[in-house]
Amino acid sequence: MATPGQWIAGARPRTLPNAVVPVMVGTGVAIGEGGFVWWRALVALLVALLLQIGVNYANDYSDGVRGTDDQRVGPMRLVGSRVAAPRQVLAAALGCFAAAAVLGLTLVLATRAWWILLVGAAAIAAAWFYTGGKSPYGYRALGEAAVFVFFGIVPVTGTAYVQTEQLSWAALVASVPVGLLSCSMLVVNNLRDVDTDGQSGKRTLAVVLGAERTRRLYAACLVVPLAIAVAMTPLAPLAALAVLSGPLAILPVKTVLHGAVGPALIGVLQQTGKLQLVYGLLLTIGLAVSL
């Protein structure tokens, strides 16, 4: 039976900035536009965290039962390492999705925007079918596209909307760099596993592009958000504060472009998460005070 520490490791805490940053930036937009509602922001954060943890457990389950994780280099895999039964990990994933759905329903009721139900259902479906089902899209090089949408555009614009109850161009523009930084986490994760994924038949974008082009894609996912922060200044002058996070991109980009492989990329994942958090915090502040 898995220990509490192993369950926490299986939840992949280093990926949680993917959930926190979009809600933070969306809330920055809401503050800047005068529509901040603290409890709605908190519920949106809980929904995002539950979906992120749920997708991590769902991936653990689906990849584990397929045997994809049998020789994986990265963080703890509960099923692949045989420390938890597949049904237990599946139950954890479904429990997270159910809790996210219930909390999300409170936002639907508060805003009376019933179309949010469809967005929520699409998010849960995307989380499950990334590696679940008979034809997972994560095995067809579509993972990064889904991450850009569901850990970038949807949570940033959605968080702003449930507070201000109006769609915001500022939120849509801000969602682009957030989505790219979320993608960078998946890109480096798949770069680390490119050889084992290719051998097991898991055709991630890294497998399709090859290691060298994947390295350049990772660098772009970190550099382009800095350029977008500058480009946002006509809309929100202090959005350029996010550029101050730039030095945090130097080491991970250098490590990746210089050919790091396997375990050497685990540290890059952590460094990317730090950059993502600092960038998100600075962009949030810039949007909150200058929109």
C-alpha atoms as a PDB file:
ATOM      1  CA  MET A   1       0.000   0.000   0.000  1.00  0.00           C
ATOM      2  CA  ALA A   2       1.289   3.437  -0.911  1.00  0.00           C
ATOM      3  CA  THR A   3       2.310   5.746   1.928  1.00  0.00           C
ATOM      4  CA  PRO A   4       0.927   9.295   2.241  1.00  0.00           C
ATOM      5  CA  GLY A   5       4.291  10.578   1.010  1.00  0.00           C
ATOM      6  CA  GLN A   6       4.077   8.388  -2.082  1.00  0.00           C
ATOM      7  CA  TRP A   7       0.542   9.619  -2.811  1.00  0.00           C
ATOM      8  CA  ILE A   8       1.801  13.200  -2.557  1.00  0.00           C
ATOM      9  CA  ALA A   9       4.728  12.393  -4.862  1.00  0.00           C
ATOM     10  CA  GLY A  10       2.305  10.702  -7.262  1.00  0.00           C
ATOM     11  CA  ALA A  11       0.268  13.908  -7.388  1.00  0.00           C
ATOM     12  CA  ARG A  12       3.412  15.515  -8.908  1.00  0.00           C
ATOM     13  CA  PRO A  13       3.582  18.726  -6.846  1.00  0.00           C
ATOM     14  CA  ARG A  14       6.051  20.298  -9.287  1.00  0.00           C
ATOM     15  CA  THR A  15       3.265  20.534 -11.864  1.00  0.00           C
ATOM     16  CA  LEU A  16       0.945  22.506  -9.584  1.00  0.00           C
ATOM     17  CA  PRO A  17       2.101  25.925 -10.857  1.00  0.00           C
ATOM     18  CA  ASN A  18       0.108  24.951 -13.971  1.00  0.00           C
ATOM     19  CA  ALA A  19      -3.005  25.267 -11.804  1.00  0.00           C
ATOM     20  CA  VAL A  20      -2.012  28.189  -9.592  1.00  0.00           C
ATOM     21  CA  VAL A  21      -0.629  30.644 -12.145  1.00  0.00           C
ATOM     22  CA  PRO A  22      -3.645  30.843 -14.512  1.00  0.00           C
ATOM     23  CA  VAL A  23      -6.017  31.528 -11.610  1.00  0.00           C
ATOM     24  CA  MET A  24      -3.619  34.095 -10.193  1.00  0.00           C
ATOM     25  CA  VAL A  25      -3.359  35.956 -13.511  1.00  0.00           C
ATOM     26  CA  GLY A  26      -7.118  35.784 -14.119  1.00  0.00           C
ATOM     27  CA  THR A  27      -7.655  37.239 -10.658  1.00  0.00           C
ATOM     28  CA  GLY A  28      -5.170  40.012 -11.473  1.00  0.00           C
ATOM     29  CA  VAL A  29      -7.368  40.919 -14.444  1.00  0.00           C
ATOM     30  CA  ALA A  30     -10.465  40.883 -12.217  1.00  0.00           C
ATOM     31  CA  ILE A  31      -8.785  43.200  -9.703  1.00  0.00           C
ATOM     32  CA  GLY A  32      -7.640  45.564 -12.428  1.00  0.00           C
ATOM     33  CA  GLU A  33     -11.135  45.706 -13.900  1.00  0.00           C
ATOM     34  CA  GLY A  34     -12.745  46.295 -10.495  1.00  0.00           C
ATOM     35  CA  GLY A  35     -14.548  42.979 -10.219  1.00  0.00           C
ATOM     36  CA  PHE A  36     -12.524  40.992  -7.658  1.00  0.00           C
ATOM     37  CA  VAL A  37     -14.591  38.497  -5.617  1.00  0.00           C
ATOM     38  CA  TRP A  38     -12.327  36.652  -3.186  1.00  0.00           C
ATOM     39  CA  TRP A  39     -14.396  33.532  -2.621  1.00  0.00           C
ATOM     40  CA  ARG A  40     -14.935  32.973  -6.340  1.00  0.00           C
ATOM     41  CA  ALA A  41     -11.183  33.285  -6.898  1.00  0.00           C
ATOM     42  CA  LEU A  42     -10.586  30.759  -4.123  1.00  0.00           C
ATOM     43  CA  VAL A  43     -13.092  28.287  -5.570  1.00  0.00           C
ATOM     44  CA  ALA A  44     -11.552  28.694  -9.030  1.00  0.00           C
ATOM     45  CA  LEU A  45      -8.134  27.910  -7.521  1.00  0.00           C
ATOM     46  CA  LEU A  46      -9.448  24.777  -5.808  1.00  0.00           C
ATOM     47  CA  VAL A  47     -11.073  23.616  -9.041  1.00  0.00           C
ATOM     48  CA  ALA A  48      -7.822  24.144 -10.950  1.00  0.00           C
ATOM     49  CA  LEU A  49      -5.762  22.298  -8.334  1.00  0.00           C
ATOM     50  CA  LEU A  50      -8.171  19.375  -8.243  1.00  0.00           C
ATOM     51  CA  LEU A  51      -8.142  19.102 -12.032  1.00  0.00           C
ATOM     52  CA  GLN A  52      -4.327  19.192 -12.124  1.00  0.00           C
ATOM     53  CA  ILE A  53      -3.983  16.528  -9.442  1.00  0.00           C
ATOM     54  CA  GLY A  54      -6.771  14.523 -11.046  1.00  0.00           C
ATOM     55  CA  VAL A  55      -5.084  14.536 -14.454  1.00  0.00           C
ATOM     56  CA  ASN A  56      -1.801  13.509 -12.838  1.00  0.00           C
ATOM     57  CA  TYR A  57      -3.436  10.518 -11.155  1.00  0.00           C
ATOM     58  CA  ALA A  58      -5.377   9.693 -14.326  1.00  0.00           C
ATOM     59  CA  ASN A  59      -2.145   9.707 -16.344  1.00  0.00           C
ATOM     60  CA  ASP A  60      -0.488   7.556 -13.693  1.00  0.00           C
ATOM     61  CA  TYR A  61      -3.327   5.046 -13.944  1.00  0.00           C
ATOM     62  CA  SER A  62      -3.643   4.974 -17.733  1.00  0.00           C
ATOM     63  CA  ASP A  63       0.085   4.868 -18.463  1.00  0.00           C
ATOM     64  CA  GLY A  64       0.599   2.370 -15.667  1.00  0.00           C
ATOM     65  CA  VAL A  65      -1.908  -0.180 -16.902  1.00  0.00           C
ATOM     66  CA  ARG A  66      -0.502   0.161 -20.429  1.00  0.00           C
ATOM     67  CA  GLY A  67       3.033  -0.446 -19.174  1.00  0.00           C
ATOM     68  CA  THR A  68       4.272   2.913 -20.472  1.00  0.00           C
ATOM     69  CA  ASP A  69       5.681   3.862 -17.047  1.00  0.00           C
ATOM     70  CA  ASP A  70       7.596   0.639 -16.398  1.00  0.00           C
ATOM     71  CA  GLN A  71      10.994   2.225 -17.143  1.00  0.00           C
ATOM     72  CA  ARG A  72      10.221   5.908 -16.538  1.00  0.00           C
ATOM     73  CA  VAL A  73      12.982   8.187 -15.201  1.00  0.00           C
ATOM     74  CA  GLY A  74      10.892  10.936 -13.609  1.00  0.00           C
ATOM     75  CA  PRO A  75       8.823  11.360 -10.444  1.00  0.00           C
ATOM     76  CA  MET A  76       7.011   8.603  -8.581  1.00  0.00           C
ATOM     77  CA  ARG A  77       4.485   6.626 -10.596  1.00  0.00           C
ATOM     78  CA  LEU A  78       2.108   4.845  -8.274  1.00  0.00           C
ATOM     79  CA  VAL A  79       0.907   2.167 -10.685  1.00  0.00           C
ATOM     80  CA  GLY A  80       4.112   1.758 -12.668  1.00  0.00           C
ATOM     81  CA  SER A  81       6.173   1.275  -9.497  1.00  0.00           C
ATOM     82  CA  ARG A  82       3.569  -1.153  -8.091  1.00  0.00           C
ATOM     83  CA  VAL A  83       3.119   0.756  -4.818  1.00  0.00           C
ATOM     84  CA  ALA A  84      -0.613   1.288  -5.399  1.00  0.00           C
ATOM     85  CA  ALA A  85      -3.248  -0.803  -7.112  1.00  0.00           C
ATOM     86  CA  PRO A  86      -4.578   0.629 -10.388  1.00  0.00           C
ATOM     87  CA  ARG A  87      -8.126   0.780  -9.006  1.00  0.00           C
ATOM     88  CA  GLN A  88      -6.928   2.935  -6.092  1.00  0.00           C
ATOM     89  CA  VAL A  89      -5.227   5.439  -8.388  1.00  0.00           C
ATOM     90  CA  LEU A  90      -8.261   5.473 -10.679  1.00  0.00           C
ATOM     91  CA  ALA A  91     -10.503   6.171  -7.682  1.00  0.00           C
ATOM     92  CA  ALA A  92      -8.235   9.054  -6.629  1.00  0.00           C
ATOM     93  CA  ALA A  93      -8.402  10.551 -10.122  1.00  0.00           C
ATOM     94  CA  LEU A  94     -12.169  10.248 -10.356  1.00  0.00           C
ATOM     95  CA  GLY A  95     -12.548  11.640  -6.830  1.00  0.00           C
ATOM     96  CA  CYS A  96     -10.566  14.744  -7.802  1.00  0.00           C
ATOM     97  CA  PHE A  97     -12.651  15.224 -10.945  1.00  0.00           C
ATOM     98  CA  ALA A  98     -15.902  14.831  -8.981  1.00  0.00           C
ATOM     99  CA  ALA A  99     -14.819  17.341  -6.331  1.00  0.00           C
ATOM    100  CA  ALA A 100     -13.774  19.804  -9.062  1.00  0.00           C
ATOM    101  CA  ALA A 101     -17.179  19.387 -10.714  1.00  0.00           C
ATOM    102  CA  VAL A 102     -19.067  20.064  -7.473  1.00  0.00           C
ATOM    103  CA  LEU A 103     -17.017  23.169  -6.694  1.00  0.00           C
ATOM    104  CA  GLY A 104     -17.319  24.368 -10.258  1.00  0.00           C
ATOM    105  CA  LEU A 105     -21.085  24.054 -10.009  1.00  0.00           C
ATOM    106  CA  THR A 106     -21.084  26.672  -7.230  1.00  0.00           C
ATOM    107  CA  LEU A 107     -19.518  29.138  -9.677  1.00  0.00           C
ATOM    108  CA  VAL A 108     -22.113  28.254 -12.291  1.00  0.00           C
ATOM    109  CA  LEU A 109     -24.901  28.914  -9.792  1.00  0.00           C
ATOM    110  CA  ALA A 110     -23.299  32.172  -8.652  1.00  0.00           C
ATOM    111  CA  THR A 111     -22.867  33.567 -12.154  1.00  0.00           C
ATOM    112  CA  ARG A 112     -25.898  31.877 -13.780  1.00  0.00           C
ATOM    113  CA  ALA A 113     -23.631  31.277 -16.776  1.00  0.00           C
ATOM    114  CA  TRP A 114     -24.761  27.765 -17.630  1.00  0.00           C
ATOM    115  CA  TRP A 115     -22.370  27.466 -20.540  1.00  0.00           C
ATOM    116  CA  ILE A 116     -19.604  27.095 -17.948  1.00  0.00           C
ATOM    117  CA  LEU A 117     -20.932  23.565 -17.400  1.00  0.00           C
ATOM    118  CA  LEU A 118     -19.884  22.704 -20.949  1.00  0.00           C
ATOM    119  CA  VAL A 119     -16.434  24.199 -20.416  1.00  0.00           C
ATOM    120  CA  GLY A 120     -16.040  22.249 -17.185  1.00  0.00           C
ATOM    121  CA  ALA A 121     -17.160  19.016 -18.826  1.00  0.00           C
ATOM    122  CA  ALA A 122     -14.686  19.609 -21.664  1.00  0.00           C
ATOM    123  CA  ALA A 123     -11.880  20.194 -19.141  1.00  0.00           C
ATOM    124  CA  ILE A 124     -12.614  16.944 -17.319  1.00  0.00           C
ATOM    125  CA  ALA A 125     -12.879  15.044 -20.607  1.00  0.00           C
ATOM    126  CA  ALA A 126      -9.564  16.515 -21.748  1.00  0.00           C
ATOM    127  CA  ALA A 127      -7.970  15.492 -18.460  1.00  0.00           C
ATOM    128  CA  TRP A 128      -9.154  11.894 -18.790  1.00  0.00           C
ATOM    129  CA  PHE A 129      -8.587  11.312 -22.503  1.00  0.00           C
ATOM    130  CA  TYR A 130      -5.045  12.718 -22.439  1.00  0.00           C
ATOM    131  CA  THR A 131      -3.831   9.196 -21.706  1.00  0.00           C
ATOM    132  CA  GLY A 132      -7.134   7.419 -21.026  1.00  0.00           C
ATOM    133  CA  GLY A 133      -9.540   5.640 -23.345  1.00  0.00           C
ATOM    134  CA  LYS A 134      -8.800   3.563 -26.425  1.00  0.00           C
ATOM    135  CA  SER A 135      -7.219   6.388 -28.428  1.00  0.00           C
ATOM    136  CA  PRO A 136      -5.615   8.922 -26.034  1.00  0.00           C
ATOM    137  CA  TYR A 137      -4.727  12.191 -27.701  1.00  0.00           C
ATOM    138  CA  GLY A 138      -1.571  12.466 -25.583  1.00  0.00           C
ATOM    139  CA  TYR A 139      -0.260   9.555 -27.638  1.00  0.00           C
ATOM    140  CA  ARG A 140      -0.969  11.541 -30.824  1.00  0.00           C
ATOM    141  CA  ALA A 141       1.210  14.587 -30.147  1.00  0.00           C
ATOM    142  CA  LEU A 142      -1.734  16.747 -29.047  1.00  0.00           C
ATOM    143  CA  GLY A 143      -0.879  17.104 -25.372  1.00  0.00           C
ATOM    144  CA  GLU A 144       0.722  20.537 -25.644  1.00  0.00           C
ATOM    145  CA  ALA A 145      -2.258  21.918 -27.581  1.00  0.00           C
ATOM    146  CA  ALA A 146      -4.631  20.730 -24.854  1.00  0.00           C
ATOM    147  CA  VAL A 147      -2.427  22.166 -22.110  1.00  0.00           C
ATOM    148  CA  PHE A 148      -2.340  25.542 -23.883  1.00  0.00           C
ATOM    149  CA  VAL A 149      -6.140  25.602 -23.960  1.00  0.00           C
ATOM    150  CA  PHE A 150      -7.008  24.088 -20.569  1.00  0.00           C
ATOM    151  CA  PHE A 151      -4.089  25.430 -18.500  1.00  0.00           C
ATOM    152  CA  GLY A 152      -3.872  28.744 -20.303  1.00  0.00           C
ATOM    153  CA  ILE A 153      -6.848  30.190 -22.161  1.00  0.00           C
ATOM    154  CA  VAL A 154      -9.660  28.505 -20.226  1.00  0.00           C
ATOM    155  CA  PRO A 155      -8.537  29.068 -16.620  1.00  0.00           C
ATOM    156  CA  VAL A 156      -7.262  32.629 -17.105  1.00  0.00           C
ATOM    157  CA  THR A 157     -10.331  33.871 -18.969  1.00  0.00           C
ATOM    158  CA  GLY A 158     -12.623  31.694 -16.858  1.00  0.00           C
ATOM    159  CA  THR A 159     -11.241  32.960 -13.546  1.00  0.00           C
ATOM    160  CA  ALA A 160     -11.641  36.556 -14.673  1.00  0.00           C
ATOM    161  CA  TYR A 161     -15.157  35.869 -15.947  1.00  0.00           C
ATOM    162  CA  VAL A 162     -16.549  34.213 -12.804  1.00  0.00           C
ATOM    163  CA  GLN A 163     -15.504  37.315 -10.846  1.00  0.00           C
ATOM    164  CA  THR A 164     -16.336  40.154 -13.254  1.00  0.00           C
ATOM    165  CA  GLU A 165     -19.120  38.269 -15.110  1.00  0.00           C
ATOM    166  CA  GLN A 166     -17.881  39.611 -18.416  1.00  0.00           C
ATOM    167  CA  LEU A 167     -15.421  38.368 -21.008  1.00  0.00           C
ATOM    168  CA  SER A 168     -12.190  40.340 -21.061  1.00  0.00           C
ATOM    169  CA  TRP A 169      -9.725  40.984 -23.872  1.00  0.00           C
ATOM    170  CA  ALA A 170      -7.039  41.552 -21.250  1.00  0.00           C
ATOM    171  CA  ALA A 171      -7.651  38.085 -19.835  1.00  0.00           C
ATOM    172  CA  LEU A 172      -7.527  36.518 -23.293  1.00  0.00           C
ATOM    173  CA  VAL A 173      -4.220  38.191 -24.156  1.00  0.00           C
ATOM    174  CA  ALA A 174      -2.731  37.342 -20.751  1.00  0.00           C
ATOM    175  CA  SER A 175      -3.759  33.705 -21.184  1.00  0.00           C
ATOM    176  CA  VAL A 176      -1.335  33.261 -24.106  1.00  0.00           C
ATOM    177  CA  PRO A 177       1.961  33.548 -22.168  1.00  0.00           C
ATOM    178  CA  VAL A 178       0.430  31.610 -19.293  1.00  0.00           C
ATOM    179  CA  GLY A 179      -0.508  28.816 -21.679  1.00  0.00           C
ATOM    180  CA  LEU A 180       2.982  28.773 -23.199  1.00  0.00           C
ATOM    181  CA  LEU A 181       4.614  28.466 -19.787  1.00  0.00           C
ATOM    182  CA  SER A 182       2.243  25.624 -18.912  1.00  0.00           C
ATOM    183  CA  CYS A 183       3.217  23.956 -22.199  1.00  0.00           C
ATOM    184  CA  SER A 184       6.892  24.310 -21.308  1.00  0.00           C
ATOM    185  CA  MET A 185       6.373  22.008 -18.328  1.00  0.00           C
ATOM    186  CA  LEU A 186       4.949  19.294 -20.550  1.00  0.00           C
ATOM    187  CA  VAL A 187       7.562  19.860 -23.253  1.00  0.00           C
ATOM    188  CA  VAL A 188      10.488  19.307 -20.871  1.00  0.00           C
ATOM    189  CA  ASN A 189       8.705  16.378 -19.236  1.00  0.00           C
ATOM    190  CA  ASN A 190       8.240  14.708 -22.625  1.00  0.00           C
ATOM    191  CA  LEU A 191      11.795  15.575 -23.652  1.00  0.00           C
ATOM    192  CA  ARG A 192      13.039  13.709 -20.597  1.00  0.00           C
ATOM    193  CA  ASP A 193      10.981  10.660 -21.573  1.00  0.00           C
ATOM    194  CA  VAL A 194      11.421  10.882 -25.347  1.00  0.00           C
ATOM    195  CA  ASP A 195      13.352   7.621 -25.679  1.00  0.00           C
ATOM    196  CA  THR A 196      11.161   5.484 -23.427  1.00  0.00           C
ATOM    197  CA  ASP A 197       7.974   6.993 -24.886  1.00  0.00           C
ATOM    198  CA  GLY A 198       9.139   6.214 -28.398  1.00  0.00           C
ATOM    199  CA  GLN A 199       9.961   2.631 -27.446  1.00  0.00           C
ATOM    200  CA  SER A 200       6.571   2.107 -25.792  1.00  0.00           C
ATOM    201  CA  GLY A 201       4.596   3.566 -28.722  1.00  0.00           C
ATOM    202  CA  LYS A 202       3.611   6.792 -26.972  1.00  0.00           C
ATOM    203  CA  ARG A 203       3.905   9.401 -29.749  1.00  0.00           C
ATOM    204  CA  THR A 204       4.222  12.631 -27.816  1.00  0.00           C
ATOM    205  CA  LEU A 205       5.091  15.859 -29.605  1.00  0.00           C
ATOM    206  CA  ALA A 206       8.692  15.322 -28.466  1.00  0.00           C
ATOM    207  CA  VAL A 207       8.754  11.914 -30.151  1.00  0.00           C
ATOM    208  CA  VAL A 208       7.341  13.393 -33.369  1.00  0.00           C
ATOM    209  CA  LEU A 209       9.650  16.436 -33.438  1.00  0.00           C
ATOM    210  CA  GLY A 210      12.754  14.701 -32.168  1.00  0.00           C
ATOM    211  CA  ALA A 211      14.913  15.809 -29.263  1.00  0.00           C
ATOM    212  CA  GLU A 212      16.685  18.739 -30.913  1.00  0.00           C
ATOM    213  CA  ARG A 213      13.570  20.506 -32.187  1.00  0.00           C
ATOM    214  CA  THR A 214      11.869  19.813 -28.873  1.00  0.00           C
ATOM    215  CA  ARG A 215      14.708  21.615 -27.121  1.00  0.00           C
ATOM    216  CA  ARG A 216      14.148  24.673 -29.313  1.00  0.00           C
ATOM    217  CA  LEU A 217      10.404  24.486 -28.659  1.00  0.00           C
ATOM    218  CA  TYR A 218      11.064  24.505 -24.912  1.00  0.00           C
ATOM    219  CA  ALA A 219      13.253  27.591 -25.225  1.00  0.00           C
ATOM    220  CA  ALA A 220      10.566  29.363 -27.248  1.00  0.00           C
ATOM    221  CA  CYS A 221       7.915  28.551 -24.632  1.00  0.00           C
ATOM    222  CA  LEU A 222      10.025  30.415 -22.058  1.00  0.00           C
ATOM    223  CA  VAL A 223      11.241  33.330 -24.169  1.00  0.00           C
ATOM    224  CA  VAL A 224       8.040  34.246 -26.043  1.00  0.00           C
ATOM    225  CA  PRO A 225       6.074  35.002 -22.814  1.00  0.00           C
ATOM    226  CA  LEU A 226       8.711  37.609 -21.931  1.00  0.00           C
ATOM    227  CA  ALA A 227       8.185  39.292 -25.305  1.00  0.00           C
ATOM    228  CA  ILE A 228       4.398  39.166 -24.867  1.00  0.00           C
ATOM    229  CA  ALA A 229       4.681  40.887 -21.474  1.00  0.00           C
ATOM    230  CA  VAL A 230       6.403  43.799 -23.212  1.00  0.00           C
ATOM    231  CA  ALA A 231       3.866  43.796 -26.038  1.00  0.00           C
ATOM    232  CA  MET A 232       1.035  44.057 -23.474  1.00  0.00           C
ATOM    233  CA  THR A 233       2.177  47.446 -22.185  1.00  0.00           C
ATOM    234  CA  PRO A 234      -0.302  49.459 -24.319  1.00  0.00           C
ATOM    235  CA  LEU A 235      -3.080  47.469 -22.653  1.00  0.00           C
ATOM    236  CA  ALA A 236      -1.577  47.329 -19.152  1.00  0.00           C
ATOM    237  CA  PRO A 237       1.635  49.365 -18.798  1.00  0.00           C
ATOM    238  CA  LEU A 238       2.964  47.455 -15.796  1.00  0.00           C
ATOM    239  CA  ALA A 239       2.490  44.062 -17.436  1.00  0.00           C
ATOM    240  CA  ALA A 240       6.156  44.446 -18.403  1.00  0.00           C
ATOM    241  CA  LEU A 241       7.012  43.712 -14.761  1.00  0.00           C
ATOM    242  CA  ALA A 242       6.860  40.047 -15.783  1.00  0.00           C
ATOM    243  CA  VAL A 243      10.097  40.555 -17.737  1.00  0.00           C
ATOM    244  CA  LEU A 244      11.905  40.708 -14.366  1.00  0.00           C
ATOM    245  CA  SER A 245      11.427  36.937 -14.191  1.00  0.00           C
ATOM    246  CA  GLY A 246      13.653  36.590 -17.268  1.00  0.00           C
ATOM    247  CA  PRO A 247      16.875  35.699 -15.408  1.00  0.00           C
ATOM    248  CA  LEU A 248      15.139  32.581 -14.081  1.00  0.00           C
ATOM    249  CA  ALA A 249      14.854  31.332 -17.666  1.00  0.00           C
ATOM    250  CA  ILE A 250      18.592  31.432 -18.344  1.00  0.00           C
ATOM    251  CA  LEU A 251      19.694  28.282 -16.508  1.00  0.00           C
ATOM    252  CA  PRO A 252      16.891  25.923 -17.649  1.00  0.00           C
ATOM    253  CA  VAL A 253      17.130  27.119 -21.259  1.00  0.00           C
ATOM    254  CA  LYS A 254      20.908  26.746 -21.216  1.00  0.00           C
ATOM    255  CA  THR A 255      20.647  23.269 -19.694  1.00  0.00           C
ATOM    256  CA  VAL A 256      18.116  22.095 -22.260  1.00  0.00           C
ATOM    257  CA  LEU A 257      19.823  23.611 -25.299  1.00  0.00           C
ATOM    258  CA  HIS A 258      23.156  22.125 -24.220  1.00  0.00           C
ATOM    259  CA  GLY A 259      21.736  18.626 -24.523  1.00  0.00           C
ATOM    260  CA  ALA A 260      20.770  17.542 -21.002  1.00  0.00           C
ATOM    261  CA  VAL A 261      18.987  14.190 -20.924  1.00  0.00           C
ATOM    262  CA  GLY A 262      17.171  11.900 -18.494  1.00  0.00           C
ATOM    263  CA  PRO A 263      17.582  12.717 -14.790  1.00  0.00           C
ATOM    264  CA  ALA A 264      19.367  15.997 -15.609  1.00  0.00           C
ATOM    265  CA  LEU A 265      16.029  17.336 -16.846  1.00  0.00           C
ATOM    266  CA  ILE A 266      14.241  16.709 -13.545  1.00  0.00           C
ATOM    267  CA  GLY A 267      15.903  19.826 -12.109  1.00  0.00           C
ATOM    268  CA  VAL A 268      14.844  21.757 -15.212  1.00  0.00           C
ATOM    269  CA  LEU A 269      11.227  20.919 -14.434  1.00  0.00           C
ATOM    270  CA  GLN A 270      11.615  22.461 -10.983  1.00  0.00           C
ATOM    271  CA  GLN A 271      13.358  25.540 -12.379  1.00  0.00           C
ATOM    272  CA  THR A 272      10.604  25.951 -14.964  1.00  0.00           C
ATOM    273  CA  GLY A 273       7.980  25.845 -12.225  1.00  0.00           C
ATOM    274  CA  LYS A 274       9.793  28.618 -10.321  1.00  0.00           C
ATOM    275  CA  LEU A 275       9.933  30.765 -13.443  1.00  0.00           C
ATOM    276  CA  GLN A 276       6.261  30.119 -14.089  1.00  0.00           C
ATOM    277  CA  LEU A 277       5.297  31.172 -10.563  1.00  0.00           C
ATOM    278  CA  VAL A 278       7.424  34.334 -10.530  1.00  0.00           C
ATOM    279  CA  TYR A 279       6.291  35.357 -14.019  1.00  0.00           C
ATOM    280  CA  GLY A 280       2.664  34.760 -13.036  1.00  0.00           C
ATOM    281  CA  LEU A 281       2.983  36.750  -9.812  1.00  0.00           C
ATOM    282  CA  LEU A 282       4.622  39.717 -11.554  1.00  0.00           C
ATOM    283  CA  LEU A 283       2.106  39.672 -14.402  1.00  0.00           C
ATOM    284  CA  THR A 284      -0.728  39.482 -11.863  1.00  0.00           C
ATOM    285  CA  ILE A 285       0.580  42.553 -10.050  1.00  0.00           C
ATOM    286  CA  GLY A 286       1.051  44.428 -13.318  1.00  0.00           C
ATOM    287  CA  LEU A 287      -2.470  43.678 -14.481  1.00  0.00           C
ATOM    288  CA  ALA A 288      -4.042  44.402 -11.107  1.00  0.00           C
ATOM    289  CA  VAL A 289      -2.572  47.897 -10.779  1.00  0.00           C
ATOM    290  CA  SER A 290      -2.520  49.132 -14.365  1.00  0.00           C
ATOM    291  CA  LEU A 291      -5.604  47.880 -16.214  1.00  0.00           C
END
